[in-house]
Amino acid sequence: MEMSDFITEFLAVLDVGRSLAHVRSEYGRELLDSVNGANLVGSIWAEDLRRGTGEERSAYLLSMSLL
């Protein structure tokens, strides 16, 4: 294998590695957005439960468990 062929193949491997890193980072951002969204929804639910009466809390918890 000549040096120029080796360099060409090496650069191709680096390019694939960069592409995979980009895909992983995009997936990671989407996953983080999902977790943050779930935390926000959980916080809203917790606040609703804190403010409600005992009967409202029971109905709310039952409706959430059915989801």
N, C-alpha and C. Protein backbone atom coordinates (compact mmCIF):
# COMPACT_ATOMS: atom_id res chain seq x y z
N MET A 1 0.86 -1.18 0.00
CA MET A 1 0.00 0.00 0.00
C MET A 1 0.90 1.24 0.00
N GLU A 2 0.61 2.11 -0.89
CA GLU A 2 1.38 3.34 -0.95
C GLU A 2 0.91 4.30 0.13
N MET A 3 1.78 5.23 0.44
CA MET A 3 1.48 6.21 1.49
C MET A 3 0.24 7.04 1.14
N SER A 4 0.07 7.41 -0.12
CA SER A 4 -1.10 8.22 -0.50
C SER A 4 -2.39 7.42 -0.34
N ASP A 5 -2.37 6.10 -0.63
CA ASP A 5 -3.54 5.26 -0.44
C ASP A 5 -3.87 5.15 1.05
N PHE A 6 -2.84 4.99 1.86
CA PHE A 6 -3.02 4.89 3.30
C PHE A 6 -3.65 6.17 3.84
N ILE A 7 -3.13 7.32 3.39
CA ILE A 7 -3.65 8.60 3.87
C ILE A 7 -5.10 8.78 3.43
N THR A 8 -5.41 8.39 2.20
CA THR A 8 -6.78 8.51 1.70
C THR A 8 -7.74 7.65 2.53
N GLU A 9 -7.34 6.41 2.81
CA GLU A 9 -8.19 5.53 3.63
C GLU A 9 -8.30 6.04 5.06
N PHE A 10 -7.22 6.54 5.60
CA PHE A 10 -7.23 7.07 6.97
C PHE A 10 -8.20 8.26 7.07
N LEU A 11 -8.14 9.15 6.09
CA LEU A 11 -9.05 10.30 6.10
C LEU A 11 -10.50 9.87 5.93
N ALA A 12 -10.73 8.83 5.16
CA ALA A 12 -12.10 8.31 5.00
C ALA A 12 -12.62 7.78 6.33
N VAL A 13 -11.76 7.08 7.07
CA VAL A 13 -12.16 6.55 8.38
C VAL A 13 -12.45 7.70 9.34
N LEU A 14 -11.62 8.74 9.31
CA LEU A 14 -11.88 9.90 10.17
C LEU A 14 -13.21 10.56 9.83
N ASP A 15 -13.51 10.64 8.54
CA ASP A 15 -14.77 11.25 8.11
C ASP A 15 -15.97 10.45 8.63
N VAL A 16 -15.88 9.12 8.55
CA VAL A 16 -16.95 8.27 9.08
C VAL A 16 -17.07 8.48 10.58
N GLY A 17 -15.93 8.56 11.26
CA GLY A 17 -15.95 8.78 12.71
C GLY A 17 -16.63 10.10 13.07
N ARG A 18 -16.34 11.15 12.31
CA ARG A 18 -16.99 12.44 12.56
C ARG A 18 -18.49 12.35 12.33
N SER A 19 -18.89 11.64 11.29
CA SER A 19 -20.31 11.48 11.01
C SER A 19 -21.01 10.76 12.15
N LEU A 20 -20.39 9.70 12.66
CA LEU A 20 -20.99 8.96 13.77
C LEU A 20 -21.05 9.81 15.03
N ALA A 21 -20.01 10.60 15.27
CA ALA A 21 -20.01 11.48 16.44
C ALA A 21 -21.14 12.50 16.34
N HIS A 22 -21.39 13.02 15.14
CA HIS A 22 -22.47 13.99 14.94
C HIS A 22 -23.83 13.34 15.21
N VAL A 23 -24.01 12.12 14.70
CA VAL A 23 -25.28 11.41 14.92
C VAL A 23 -25.48 11.17 16.41
N ARG A 24 -24.43 10.75 17.10
CA ARG A 24 -24.54 10.50 18.55
C ARG A 24 -24.87 11.78 19.30
N SER A 25 -24.26 12.89 18.91
CA SER A 25 -24.53 14.13 19.63
C SER A 25 -25.96 14.61 19.37
N GLU A 26 -26.45 14.44 18.13
CA GLU A 26 -27.84 14.82 17.83
C GLU A 26 -28.81 13.96 18.63
N TYR A 27 -28.55 12.65 18.69
CA TYR A 27 -29.40 11.75 19.46
C TYR A 27 -29.36 12.13 20.94
N GLY A 28 -28.16 12.45 21.42
CA GLY A 28 -28.01 12.85 22.82
C GLY A 28 -28.81 14.10 23.14
N ARG A 29 -28.79 15.07 22.22
CA ARG A 29 -29.57 16.29 22.44
C ARG A 29 -31.06 16.00 22.48
N GLU A 30 -31.52 15.15 21.56
CA GLU A 30 -32.94 14.80 21.53
C GLU A 30 -33.34 14.08 22.82
N LEU A 31 -32.46 13.18 23.28
CA LEU A 31 -32.74 12.46 24.52
C LEU A 31 -32.79 13.42 25.70
N LEU A 32 -31.84 14.35 25.74
CA LEU A 32 -31.82 15.33 26.82
C LEU A 32 -33.06 16.21 26.78
N ASP A 33 -33.48 16.63 25.59
CA ASP A 33 -34.71 17.41 25.46
C ASP A 33 -35.91 16.62 25.99
N SER A 34 -35.95 15.32 25.70
CA SER A 34 -37.05 14.48 26.16
C SER A 34 -37.06 14.39 27.68
N VAL A 35 -35.88 14.21 28.26
CA VAL A 35 -35.78 14.12 29.73
C VAL A 35 -36.19 15.44 30.36
N ASN A 36 -35.70 16.54 29.81
CA ASN A 36 -36.07 17.86 30.35
C ASN A 36 -37.57 18.10 30.22
N GLY A 37 -38.16 17.68 29.10
CA GLY A 37 -39.60 17.82 28.92
C GLY A 37 -40.37 17.00 29.94
N ALA A 38 -39.91 15.79 30.18
CA ALA A 38 -40.57 14.93 31.17
C ALA A 38 -40.44 15.52 32.57
N ASN A 39 -39.30 16.11 32.89
CA ASN A 39 -39.12 16.74 34.19
C ASN A 39 -40.06 17.93 34.35
N LEU A 40 -40.23 18.70 33.29
CA LEU A 40 -41.13 19.85 33.34
C LEU A 40 -42.57 19.39 33.56
N VAL A 41 -42.99 18.37 32.82
CA VAL A 41 -44.35 17.84 32.99
C VAL A 41 -44.53 17.29 34.40
N GLY A 42 -43.51 16.58 34.89
CA GLY A 42 -43.58 16.04 36.25
C GLY A 42 -43.69 17.14 37.29
N SER A 43 -42.98 18.24 37.07
CA SER A 43 -43.06 19.38 38.00
C SER A 43 -44.45 20.00 38.00
N ILE A 44 -45.04 20.12 36.82
CA ILE A 44 -46.39 20.68 36.71
C ILE A 44 -47.38 19.77 37.43
N TRP A 45 -47.26 18.46 37.20
CA TRP A 45 -48.15 17.52 37.87
C TRP A 45 -47.99 17.61 39.39
N ALA A 46 -46.75 17.69 39.86
CA ALA A 46 -46.51 17.78 41.30
C ALA A 46 -47.14 19.03 41.88
N GLU A 47 -47.03 20.15 41.17
CA GLU A 47 -47.62 21.39 41.64
C GLU A 47 -49.15 21.29 41.66
N ASP A 48 -49.73 20.69 40.63
CA ASP A 48 -51.18 20.49 40.61
C ASP A 48 -51.63 19.64 41.79
N LEU A 49 -50.88 18.60 42.07
CA LEU A 49 -51.24 17.72 43.19
C LEU A 49 -51.12 18.45 44.52
N ARG A 50 -50.11 19.27 44.66
CA ARG A 50 -49.89 19.99 45.91
C ARG A 50 -51.05 20.96 46.20
N ARG A 51 -51.59 21.55 45.15
CA ARG A 51 -52.65 22.55 45.32
C ARG A 51 -54.03 21.93 45.49
N GLY A 52 -54.22 20.72 45.01
CA GLY A 52 -55.56 20.13 45.00
C GLY A 52 -56.03 19.62 46.35
N THR A 53 -57.36 19.38 46.43
CA THR A 53 -57.93 18.77 47.63
C THR A 53 -57.64 17.27 47.58
N GLY A 54 -57.96 16.57 48.65
CA GLY A 54 -57.73 15.13 48.71
C GLY A 54 -58.46 14.39 47.61
N GLU A 55 -59.69 14.78 47.34
CA GLU A 55 -60.49 14.12 46.30
C GLU A 55 -59.90 14.41 44.91
N GLU A 56 -59.52 15.67 44.69
CA GLU A 56 -58.91 16.03 43.41
C GLU A 56 -57.59 15.27 43.19
N ARG A 57 -56.82 15.14 44.27
CA ARG A 57 -55.55 14.43 44.16
C ARG A 57 -55.77 12.97 43.78
N SER A 58 -56.74 12.34 44.41
CA SER A 58 -57.02 10.94 44.10
C SER A 58 -57.44 10.77 42.65
N ALA A 59 -58.32 11.65 42.19
CA ALA A 59 -58.78 11.57 40.80
C ALA A 59 -57.63 11.83 39.84
N TYR A 60 -56.78 12.79 40.20
CA TYR A 60 -55.65 13.13 39.35
C TYR A 60 -54.66 11.98 39.26
N LEU A 61 -54.34 11.38 40.41
CA LEU A 61 -53.41 10.25 40.42
C LEU A 61 -53.98 9.06 39.65
N LEU A 62 -55.27 8.84 39.77
CA LEU A 62 -55.89 7.75 39.03
C LEU A 62 -55.81 8.01 37.53
N SER A 63 -56.09 9.25 37.12
CA SER A 63 -56.04 9.56 35.68
C SER A 63 -54.61 9.44 35.15
N MET A 64 -53.61 9.81 35.94
CA MET A 64 -52.21 9.70 35.50
C MET A 64 -51.76 8.24 35.42
N SER A 65 -52.29 7.42 36.31
CA SER A 65 -51.89 6.00 36.28
C SER A 65 -52.49 5.28 35.07
N LEU A 66 -53.57 5.82 34.52
CA LEU A 66 -54.19 5.21 33.36
C LEU A 66 -53.48 5.57 32.06
N LEU A 67 -52.61 6.58 32.10
CA LEU A 67 -51.90 6.99 30.88
C LEU A 67 -50.89 5.99 30.44
